[in-house]
C-alpha cells in the first residue's frame, strides 16, 4: 500500500538510519507508529490467521516485546498480515495525513 510505504520511508529514516526529521515529521511518525503498534496488537488478538503467519518466524526478528505483543515495525512483519489489515492501516495513514493537511490548505 502506498501510504504505508511512505510511512516506512520516514520511520526507517528516523529509527533505522538515525537521520533527523523535521520536528513535525518526527511527531507524526511517532504518533502513527504508536497507533500501528496498537492496531497490530488488536489484530494479533482477533485474528488466528495473523498469528499462524508468524508461527515459524524468528522471534528476535518479529518482537520488540513478545510478552506485551509489541511487534517490530518492519515491512516484512506487516507484509505477513492479511491484505484487509494492511489496507486498513494504509487507510488510517492516509486519513491521518489528510487531517493534518486539510487545515493548512484552508489557510492558503
C-alpha atoms as a PDB file:
ATOM      1  CA  UNK A   1       0.000   0.000   0.000  1.00  0.00           C
ATOM      2  CA  UNK A   2       1.204   3.433  -0.997  1.00  0.00           C
ATOM      3  CA  UNK A   3       0.734   5.366   2.245  1.00  0.00           C
ATOM      4  CA  UNK A   4       2.131   2.547   4.348  1.00  0.00           C
ATOM      5  CA  UNK A   5       5.252   2.596   2.194  1.00  0.00           C
ATOM      6  CA  UNK A   6       5.563   6.363   2.683  1.00  0.00           C
ATOM      7  CA  UNK A   7       5.311   5.856   6.425  1.00  0.00           C
ATOM      8  CA  UNK A   8       8.113   3.290   6.354  1.00  0.00           C
ATOM      9  CA  UNK A   9      10.382   5.625   4.399  1.00  0.00           C
ATOM     10  CA  UNK A  10      10.184   8.191   7.204  1.00  0.00           C
ATOM     11  CA  UNK A  11      10.075   5.636  10.032  1.00  0.00           C
ATOM     12  CA  UNK A  12      13.223   3.895   8.785  1.00  0.00           C
ATOM     13  CA  UNK A  13      14.964   7.192   8.216  1.00  0.00           C
ATOM     14  CA  UNK A  14      14.326   8.171  11.833  1.00  0.00           C
ATOM     15  CA  UNK A  15      14.694   4.847  13.654  1.00  0.00           C
ATOM     16  CA  UNK A  16      16.869   2.624  11.465  1.00  0.00           C
ATOM     17  CA  UNK A  17      19.194   5.123   9.793  1.00  0.00           C
ATOM     18  CA  UNK A  18      19.094   7.549  12.760  1.00  0.00           C
ATOM     19  CA  UNK A  19      18.679  10.543  10.471  1.00  0.00           C
ATOM     20  CA  UNK A  20      16.926  13.572  11.927  1.00  0.00           C
ATOM     21  CA  UNK A  21      13.460  14.510  10.705  1.00  0.00           C
ATOM     22  CA  UNK A  22      11.755  17.861  10.921  1.00  0.00           C
ATOM     23  CA  UNK A  23      10.032  18.123  14.310  1.00  0.00           C
ATOM     24  CA  UNK A  24       6.544  17.936  12.749  1.00  0.00           C
ATOM     25  CA  UNK A  25       7.583  14.843  10.769  1.00  0.00           C
ATOM     26  CA  UNK A  26       9.001  13.195  13.869  1.00  0.00           C
ATOM     27  CA  UNK A  27       5.807  13.915  15.803  1.00  0.00           C
ATOM     28  CA  UNK A  28       3.701  12.446  13.008  1.00  0.00           C
ATOM     29  CA  UNK A  29       5.893   9.338  12.663  1.00  0.00           C
ATOM     30  CA  UNK A  30       5.823   8.782  16.429  1.00  0.00           C
ATOM     31  CA  UNK A  31       2.038   9.178  16.583  1.00  0.00           C
ATOM     32  CA  UNK A  32       1.458   6.802  13.684  1.00  0.00           C
ATOM     33  CA  UNK A  33       3.990   4.259  14.983  1.00  0.00           C
ATOM     34  CA  UNK A  34       2.196   4.114  18.334  1.00  0.00           C
ATOM     35  CA  UNK A  35      -1.166   3.721  16.602  1.00  0.00           C
ATOM     36  CA  UNK A  36       0.225   0.981  14.363  1.00  0.00           C
ATOM     37  CA  UNK A  37       1.526  -0.900  17.381  1.00  0.00           C
ATOM     38  CA  UNK A  38      -1.939  -0.722  18.935  1.00  0.00           C
ATOM     39  CA  UNK A  39      -3.600  -1.826  15.676  1.00  0.00           C
ATOM     40  CA  UNK A  40      -1.183  -4.751  15.374  1.00  0.00           C
ATOM     41  CA  UNK A  41      -1.855  -5.793  18.973  1.00  0.00           C
ATOM     42  CA  UNK A  42      -5.590  -5.751  18.287  1.00  0.00           C
ATOM     43  CA  UNK A  43      -5.189  -7.672  15.013  1.00  0.00           C
ATOM     44  CA  UNK A  44      -2.983 -10.231  16.741  1.00  0.00           C
ATOM     45  CA  UNK A  45      -5.610 -10.792  19.404  1.00  0.00           C
ATOM     46  CA  UNK A  46      -8.517 -11.022  16.947  1.00  0.00           C
ATOM     47  CA  UNK A  47      -7.064 -12.992  14.029  1.00  0.00           C
ATOM     48  CA  UNK A  48      -5.836 -16.566  14.252  1.00  0.00           C
ATOM     49  CA  UNK A  49      -4.777 -16.260  10.614  1.00  0.00           C
ATOM     50  CA  UNK A  50      -2.410 -13.464  11.601  1.00  0.00           C
ATOM     51  CA  UNK A  51      -0.998 -15.471  14.482  1.00  0.00           C
ATOM     52  CA  UNK A  52      -0.427 -18.519  12.257  1.00  0.00           C
ATOM     53  CA  UNK A  53       1.553 -16.428   9.769  1.00  0.00           C
ATOM     54  CA  UNK A  54       4.213 -15.805  12.423  1.00  0.00           C
ATOM     55  CA  UNK A  55       4.477 -19.295  13.948  1.00  0.00           C
ATOM     56  CA  UNK A  56       7.722 -20.273  12.221  1.00  0.00           C
ATOM     57  CA  UNK A  57       9.323 -16.834  12.320  1.00  0.00           C
ATOM     58  CA  UNK A  58      12.462 -15.977  14.263  1.00  0.00           C
ATOM     59  CA  UNK A  59      11.096 -14.286  17.395  1.00  0.00           C
ATOM     60  CA  UNK A  60      14.056 -11.900  17.556  1.00  0.00           C
ATOM     61  CA  UNK A  61      13.079 -10.501  14.157  1.00  0.00           C
ATOM     62  CA  UNK A  62       9.388 -10.234  14.975  1.00  0.00           C
ATOM     63  CA  UNK A  63       9.114  -8.894  18.515  1.00  0.00           C
ATOM     64  CA  UNK A  64      10.335  -5.835  20.354  1.00  0.00           C
ATOM     65  CA  UNK A  65       8.499  -7.192  23.407  1.00  0.00           C
ATOM     66  CA  UNK A  66       6.755 -10.539  22.926  1.00  0.00           C
ATOM     67  CA  UNK A  67       5.094 -10.565  26.354  1.00  0.00           C
ATOM     68  CA  UNK A  68       3.302  -7.272  25.630  1.00  0.00           C
ATOM     69  CA  UNK A  69       2.819  -8.195  21.938  1.00  0.00           C
ATOM     70  CA  UNK A  70       4.788  -5.212  20.700  1.00  0.00           C
ATOM     71  CA  UNK A  71       5.915  -6.201  17.235  1.00  0.00           C
ATOM     72  CA  UNK A  72       8.830  -4.603  15.436  1.00  0.00           C
ATOM     73  CA  UNK A  73       7.557  -2.238  12.785  1.00  0.00           C
ATOM     74  CA  UNK A  74       9.105  -3.672   9.647  1.00  0.00           C
ATOM     75  CA  UNK A  75       7.840  -4.050   6.112  1.00  0.00           C
ATOM     76  CA  UNK A  76       8.337  -7.806   6.357  1.00  0.00           C
ATOM     77  CA  UNK A  77       6.289  -8.148   9.530  1.00  0.00           C
ATOM     78  CA  UNK A  78       3.385  -6.103   8.170  1.00  0.00           C
ATOM     79  CA  UNK A  79       3.537  -7.971   4.855  1.00  0.00           C
ATOM     80  CA  UNK A  80       2.622 -11.180   6.688  1.00  0.00           C
ATOM     81  CA  UNK A  81      -0.726  -9.792   7.817  1.00  0.00           C
ATOM     82  CA  UNK A  82      -3.829 -10.206   5.676  1.00  0.00           C
ATOM     83  CA  UNK A  83      -4.424  -7.769   2.837  1.00  0.00           C
ATOM     84  CA  UNK A  84      -7.519  -6.410   4.563  1.00  0.00           C
ATOM     85  CA  UNK A  85      -5.467  -5.394   7.611  1.00  0.00           C
ATOM     86  CA  UNK A  86      -2.732  -3.780   5.505  1.00  0.00           C
ATOM     87  CA  UNK A  87      -5.410  -1.878   3.574  1.00  0.00           C
ATOM     88  CA  UNK A  88      -6.946  -0.747   6.872  1.00  0.00           C
ATOM     89  CA  UNK A  89      -3.544   0.517   8.038  1.00  0.00           C
ATOM     90  CA  UNK A  90      -2.963   2.282   4.720  1.00  0.00           C
ATOM     91  CA  UNK A  91      -6.366   3.975   5.046  1.00  0.00           C
ATOM     92  CA  UNK A  92      -5.515   5.051   8.604  1.00  0.00           C
ATOM     93  CA  UNK A  93      -2.236   6.634   7.449  1.00  0.00           C
ATOM     94  CA  UNK A  94      -3.930   8.428   4.550  1.00  0.00           C
ATOM     95  CA  UNK A  95      -6.691   9.755   6.821  1.00  0.00           C
ATOM     96  CA  UNK A  96      -4.216  10.926   9.469  1.00  0.00           C
ATOM     97  CA  UNK A  97      -2.116  12.795   6.909  1.00  0.00           C
ATOM     98  CA  UNK A  98      -5.203  14.286   5.258  1.00  0.00           C
ATOM     99  CA  UNK A  99      -6.461  15.534   8.636  1.00  0.00           C
ATOM    100  CA  UNK A 100      -3.172  17.379   9.075  1.00  0.00           C
ATOM    101  CA  UNK A 101      -3.023  18.793   5.544  1.00  0.00           C
ATOM    102  CA  UNK A 102      -6.621  19.995   5.101  1.00  0.00           C
ATOM    103  CA  UNK A 103      -6.436  22.802   7.714  1.00  0.00           C
ATOM    104  CA  UNK A 104      -3.227  24.066   6.101  1.00  0.00           C
ATOM    105  CA  UNK A 105      -4.886  24.073   2.677  1.00  0.00           C
ATOM    106  CA  UNK A 106      -7.805  26.048   4.077  1.00  0.00           C
ATOM    107  CA  UNK A 107      -5.436  28.717   5.398  1.00  0.00           C
ATOM    108  CA  UNK A 108      -3.913  29.170   1.952  1.00  0.00           C
END
